C-alpha atoms as a PDB file:
ATOM      1  CA  UNK A   1       0.839   3.264  16.341  1.00  0.00           C
ATOM      2  CA  UNK A   2       1.906   4.687  12.967  1.00  0.00           C
ATOM      3  CA  UNK A   3       2.254   8.295  14.156  1.00  0.00           C
ATOM      4  CA  UNK A   4       6.078   8.185  13.874  1.00  0.00           C
ATOM      5  CA  UNK A   5       5.702   6.990  10.261  1.00  0.00           C
ATOM      6  CA  UNK A   6       4.152   9.756   8.145  1.00  0.00           C
ATOM      7  CA  UNK A   7       5.412   8.046   4.978  1.00  0.00           C
ATOM      8  CA  UNK A   8       3.207   5.098   4.117  1.00  0.00           C
ATOM      9  CA  UNK A   9       6.090   2.912   2.913  1.00  0.00           C
ATOM     10  CA  UNK A  10       7.883   3.211   6.260  1.00  0.00           C
ATOM     11  CA  UNK A  11       4.677   2.399   8.142  1.00  0.00           C
ATOM     12  CA  UNK A  12       4.046  -0.548   5.838  1.00  0.00           C
ATOM     13  CA  UNK A  13       7.537  -1.922   6.512  1.00  0.00           C
ATOM     14  CA  UNK A  14       6.914  -1.621  10.246  1.00  0.00           C
ATOM     15  CA  UNK A  15       3.527  -3.336   9.915  1.00  0.00           C
ATOM     16  CA  UNK A  16       4.828  -6.192   7.773  1.00  0.00           C
ATOM     17  CA  UNK A  17       7.862  -6.855   9.971  1.00  0.00           C
ATOM     18  CA  UNK A  18       5.626  -8.658  12.452  1.00  0.00           C
ATOM     19  CA  UNK A  19       4.365 -11.404  10.120  1.00  0.00           C
ATOM     20  CA  UNK A  20       4.531 -12.899   6.635  1.00  0.00           C
ATOM     21  CA  UNK A  21       1.860 -11.920   4.137  1.00  0.00           C
ATOM     22  CA  UNK A  22      -0.442 -14.694   2.956  1.00  0.00           C
ATOM     23  CA  UNK A  23      -0.279 -15.682  -0.696  1.00  0.00           C
ATOM     24  CA  UNK A  24      -3.927 -14.975  -1.485  1.00  0.00           C
ATOM     25  CA  UNK A  25      -4.571 -11.492  -2.857  1.00  0.00           C
ATOM     26  CA  UNK A  26      -8.000 -11.206  -1.187  1.00  0.00           C
ATOM     27  CA  UNK A  27      -6.416 -11.723   2.243  1.00  0.00           C
ATOM     28  CA  UNK A  28      -3.663  -9.228   1.420  1.00  0.00           C
ATOM     29  CA  UNK A  29      -6.302  -6.736   0.325  1.00  0.00           C
ATOM     30  CA  UNK A  30      -8.153  -7.065   3.645  1.00  0.00           C
ATOM     31  CA  UNK A  31      -4.904  -6.596   5.576  1.00  0.00           C
ATOM     32  CA  UNK A  32      -4.037  -3.513   3.517  1.00  0.00           C
ATOM     33  CA  UNK A  33      -7.528  -2.125   4.083  1.00  0.00           C
ATOM     34  CA  UNK A  34      -7.110  -2.397   7.861  1.00  0.00           C
ATOM     35  CA  UNK A  35      -3.562  -1.066   7.679  1.00  0.00           C
ATOM     36  CA  UNK A  36      -4.756   1.959   5.666  1.00  0.00           C
ATOM     37  CA  UNK A  37      -7.552   2.661   8.140  1.00  0.00           C
ATOM     38  CA  UNK A  38      -5.171   2.676  11.114  1.00  0.00           C
ATOM     39  CA  UNK A  39      -2.454   4.618   9.270  1.00  0.00           C
ATOM     40  CA  UNK A  40      -4.994   7.302   8.302  1.00  0.00           C
ATOM     41  CA  UNK A  41      -6.203   7.532  11.904  1.00  0.00           C
ATOM     42  CA  UNK A  42      -2.637   8.142  13.047  1.00  0.00           C
ATOM     43  CA  UNK A  43      -1.761  10.481  10.129  1.00  0.00           C
ATOM     44  CA  UNK A  44      -5.029  12.263   9.248  1.00  0.00           C
ATOM     45  CA  UNK A  45      -3.534  15.048   7.125  1.00  0.00           C
ATOM     46  CA  UNK A  46      -1.356  13.011   4.726  1.00  0.00           C
ATOM     47  CA  UNK A  47      -3.965  11.716   2.234  1.00  0.00           C
ATOM     48  CA  UNK A  48      -7.563  12.680   1.499  1.00  0.00           C
ATOM     49  CA  UNK A  49      -9.167   9.305   2.211  1.00  0.00           C
ATOM     50  CA  UNK A  50      -8.637   5.821   3.586  1.00  0.00           C
ATOM     51  CA  UNK A  51      -9.322   4.496   0.076  1.00  0.00           C
ATOM     52  CA  UNK A  52      -6.331   6.416  -1.252  1.00  0.00           C
ATOM     53  CA  UNK A  53      -4.067   4.976   1.450  1.00  0.00           C
ATOM     54  CA  UNK A  54      -5.478   1.504   0.807  1.00  0.00           C
ATOM     55  CA  UNK A  55      -4.766   1.657  -2.930  1.00  0.00           C
ATOM     56  CA  UNK A  56      -1.287   3.044  -2.315  1.00  0.00           C
ATOM     57  CA  UNK A  57      -0.442   0.355   0.253  1.00  0.00           C
ATOM     58  CA  UNK A  58      -1.688  -2.414  -2.038  1.00  0.00           C
ATOM     59  CA  UNK A  59       0.224  -0.851  -4.941  1.00  0.00           C
ATOM     60  CA  UNK A  60       3.447  -0.890  -2.940  1.00  0.00           C
ATOM     61  CA  UNK A  61       2.890  -4.602  -2.234  1.00  0.00           C
ATOM     62  CA  UNK A  62       2.306  -5.205  -5.965  1.00  0.00           C
ATOM     63  CA  UNK A  63       5.421  -3.226  -6.860  1.00  0.00           C
ATOM     64  CA  UNK A  64       7.533  -5.177  -4.380  1.00  0.00           C
ATOM     65  CA  UNK A  65       6.179  -8.498  -5.636  1.00  0.00           C
ATOM     66  CA  UNK A  66       6.844  -7.493  -9.228  1.00  0.00           C
ATOM     67  CA  UNK A  67      10.387  -6.408  -8.423  1.00  0.00           C
ATOM     68  CA  UNK A  68      11.397  -9.482  -6.421  1.00  0.00           C
ATOM     69  CA  UNK A  69       9.385 -12.383  -7.830  1.00  0.00           C
ATOM     70  CA  UNK A  70      10.952 -13.955 -10.935  1.00  0.00           C
ATOM     71  CA  UNK A  71       7.645 -15.761 -11.603  1.00  0.00           C
ATOM     72  CA  UNK A  72       5.730 -12.479 -11.836  1.00  0.00           C
ATOM     73  CA  UNK A  73       3.755 -12.295 -15.079  1.00  0.00           C
ATOM     74  CA  UNK A  74       3.053  -8.574 -14.943  1.00  0.00           C
ATOM     75  CA  UNK A  75       5.777  -5.946 -15.159  1.00  0.00           C
ATOM     76  CA  UNK A  76       4.705  -2.775 -13.395  1.00  0.00           C
ATOM     77  CA  UNK A  77       6.400   0.230 -14.961  1.00  0.00           C
ATOM     78  CA  UNK A  78       7.179   3.447 -13.149  1.00  0.00           C
ATOM     79  CA  UNK A  79       4.642   5.235 -15.323  1.00  0.00           C
ATOM     80  CA  UNK A  80       1.837   2.744 -14.648  1.00  0.00           C
ATOM     81  CA  UNK A  81       2.552   2.792 -10.910  1.00  0.00           C
ATOM     82  CA  UNK A  82       2.381   6.593 -10.827  1.00  0.00           C
ATOM     83  CA  UNK A  83      -0.755   6.653 -12.997  1.00  0.00           C
ATOM     84  CA  UNK A  84      -2.487   4.058 -10.836  1.00  0.00           C
ATOM     85  CA  UNK A  85      -1.850   6.057  -7.682  1.00  0.00           C
ATOM     86  CA  UNK A  86      -2.256   9.655  -8.819  1.00  0.00           C
ATOM     87  CA  UNK A  87      -5.595   8.986 -10.488  1.00  0.00           C
ATOM     88  CA  UNK A  88      -6.891   7.629  -7.156  1.00  0.00           C
ATOM     89  CA  UNK A  89      -5.914  10.728  -5.198  1.00  0.00           C
ATOM     90  CA  UNK A  90      -7.153  13.132  -7.879  1.00  0.00           C
ATOM     91  CA  UNK A  91     -10.594  11.543  -8.031  1.00  0.00           C
ATOM     92  CA  UNK A  92     -11.370  12.277  -4.370  1.00  0.00           C
END
């Protein structure tokens, strides 16, 4: 139940506290898709679509990986993170 977590990052922390994410991005994507679906069910007025929540959740995972993995090849800037997520919401 993600009703007490209207902010997606707090809900994501709660969700991920129960297990360790797999290393494969396709598996992470499927988990984030299901997470977004459930979070949107519990918080229907926060974002316009499940797709928006899915992209945001996956983006937060990417941002965290980029920030804490010294082997990360890509450096996600604040500007690119914002652009990636605002363009998703605006297109709906």
